[in-house]
Amino acid sequence: MAHDLRSFLDQLKAARPQDYAEITREVDPAYEAIALLEMLEKENRSPALVFHNLKGHDMPMVLNLTSSYDRLAMAIGTDQEHMVEHFAKLAGEAKPLRWVDRADAPVKQVVRTEEAVDLYELPVPVHNELDAGQYLSSGVALVRDPDTGEVNGGVYRHQVQGKDQLGWFVNPSNHGNYVRIRYEELKQPMDVAIVIGHHPALLLAAASKIGGIGGELFIMGGLLQESVDVVQGETVDLPIPAHAEIVIEGKVFPGERHDEGPFGEWPRYYTGAGEKPYMKVTAITMRRDAMFQDVAPAMAEHHILGALPRMGSLYQRIKEVVPSVQNVSLPLSGGGRTFCYVSIKKSVNGEANRVGFVALATDPNIREVVVVDDDIDVFDEKQVLWARATRFQADKDLAIIPNTVGAFLIPTSYDYKRTEKGPMETKMIFDATMPLPSDAFPKRTRANPEAVERMRIEDYLGS
């Protein structure tokens, strides 16, 4: 049986029933679904939610499925402790696509083109208080590089602007934007296929930071350890994942713009509004009993889903340059994007800056890289900050890099003259490692390991 959204839901229900909830009471996709999730998060609860009774729609919606590292680790066959290294390993084992007949592609069970296209039939939510309208937040947009022919996939935001029109907003530093700009230069329309609802491996692959433009569907195959089944698009020259729930096909035409935004983004601000390209929808295909999948923007799911694939990509890219890398963390204190903590088994002074340069080059969203020794757990932020507090001196251990393409959605990003909002930021690398030779540095305090080994907490405090 192929891996898809349904197979993962079944796996989750069987393995972690406490992480799954079905909602049968009527819920309005405009504001109410996200309001319920926000209330749950305030109680430190974050289950996957399946809404069966959405106001005005027959189609169910899956929300918050990818909001925990445990679930994402399970999706790629590992546990949270080993997920970063395991992700990097699987991503390096990319699989070729497997083309299948239309009859074997559930996503082709319903096909709507021309006048039959109507985005309003889909239960696209209005998420946060000041959002400009309905937004697709879980769609993986596939586009083809006109120069290489490679198919690139990325997770972007798409505002519903009419029954057959979607906004196209992509961070200036993302590959999808480079591809769009190239089509503008060629004065050609760009084919797009937005895939909604599949196994989490699709979203993880699309959010990864791999070298070069394209290859995300191959990475998805690596994560699943099987080739992804694909079928030809109806109106676009793109491979369509055959076991997706819904696919929206269309074209972005050069030079055409429409007002887009605001939308609550991952930094938890409304940013990026203005004139943007848009997509004219040419077809919608789906399963007969399709499920709509949504990712909760500006909430834990948004941060966690984006963090794991980036951590795996960073681990892989850093290891190519500094083989002694131990682990990588993108803490949620930085939205799973802007702060990067890397542990290394240091072999030479100055190695930390090299690690930092690779990290900043791999993901432009990163603003600060903290490099620590291998005795520090990068997933324990207290330990990282302790290393910064005791092993770092700003006048010699801090590298500041201004005027660098960065996180466009951060409110403080600037243009070249620093007079307006723009895509540039100032980055920092903190070398919080001990100088070599390390035996010249004071030893870290700890309890006597022999005493720790022989004592059991329950013998003294009970169970």
Foldseek 3Di string as FASTA:
>chain_A
DDAKQVVLVVVCCVPPVQQEDEAEDEAELAAGVQVVQVVCVVVVHQHWYWYCHYPPARFIEIERQQQDLQSVQVLLPHGSVCLQQSLLVLLVVFDAADEDDLVLFLLFPDKDFDPRQFPVNDSFHNHDDFKPAGKFQAWWKWWAQPPPRAIATAGDIWHPPGGFKIFDDDQCPDPVNVSVVVCLVVQHKIKIKIFFTIRLLLLLLRLAQDPDGHDSQRSSCSSVVHHFYWYQDPPDGDTHRRHTAKMWIWIWGHPDWDWHDQDQALVRDRDDTDIGIMTGTGMMTGHPNGHGYGYRGNDSRRLSSNQSNHQNNLVNQLCVVAVFKDGKGQDCVRSSFAEIETEGQDDAPPVQVVSVVSSCVRGQAYAEYEYEYPVADRHPVVSSVVLCVPQFDCVPFKDKAWFAFHDLRPPCDADPVRPHRDRTGIHMYGHSYHHPPNVVPDDDDDPDVVVVVVDDVCVPVND
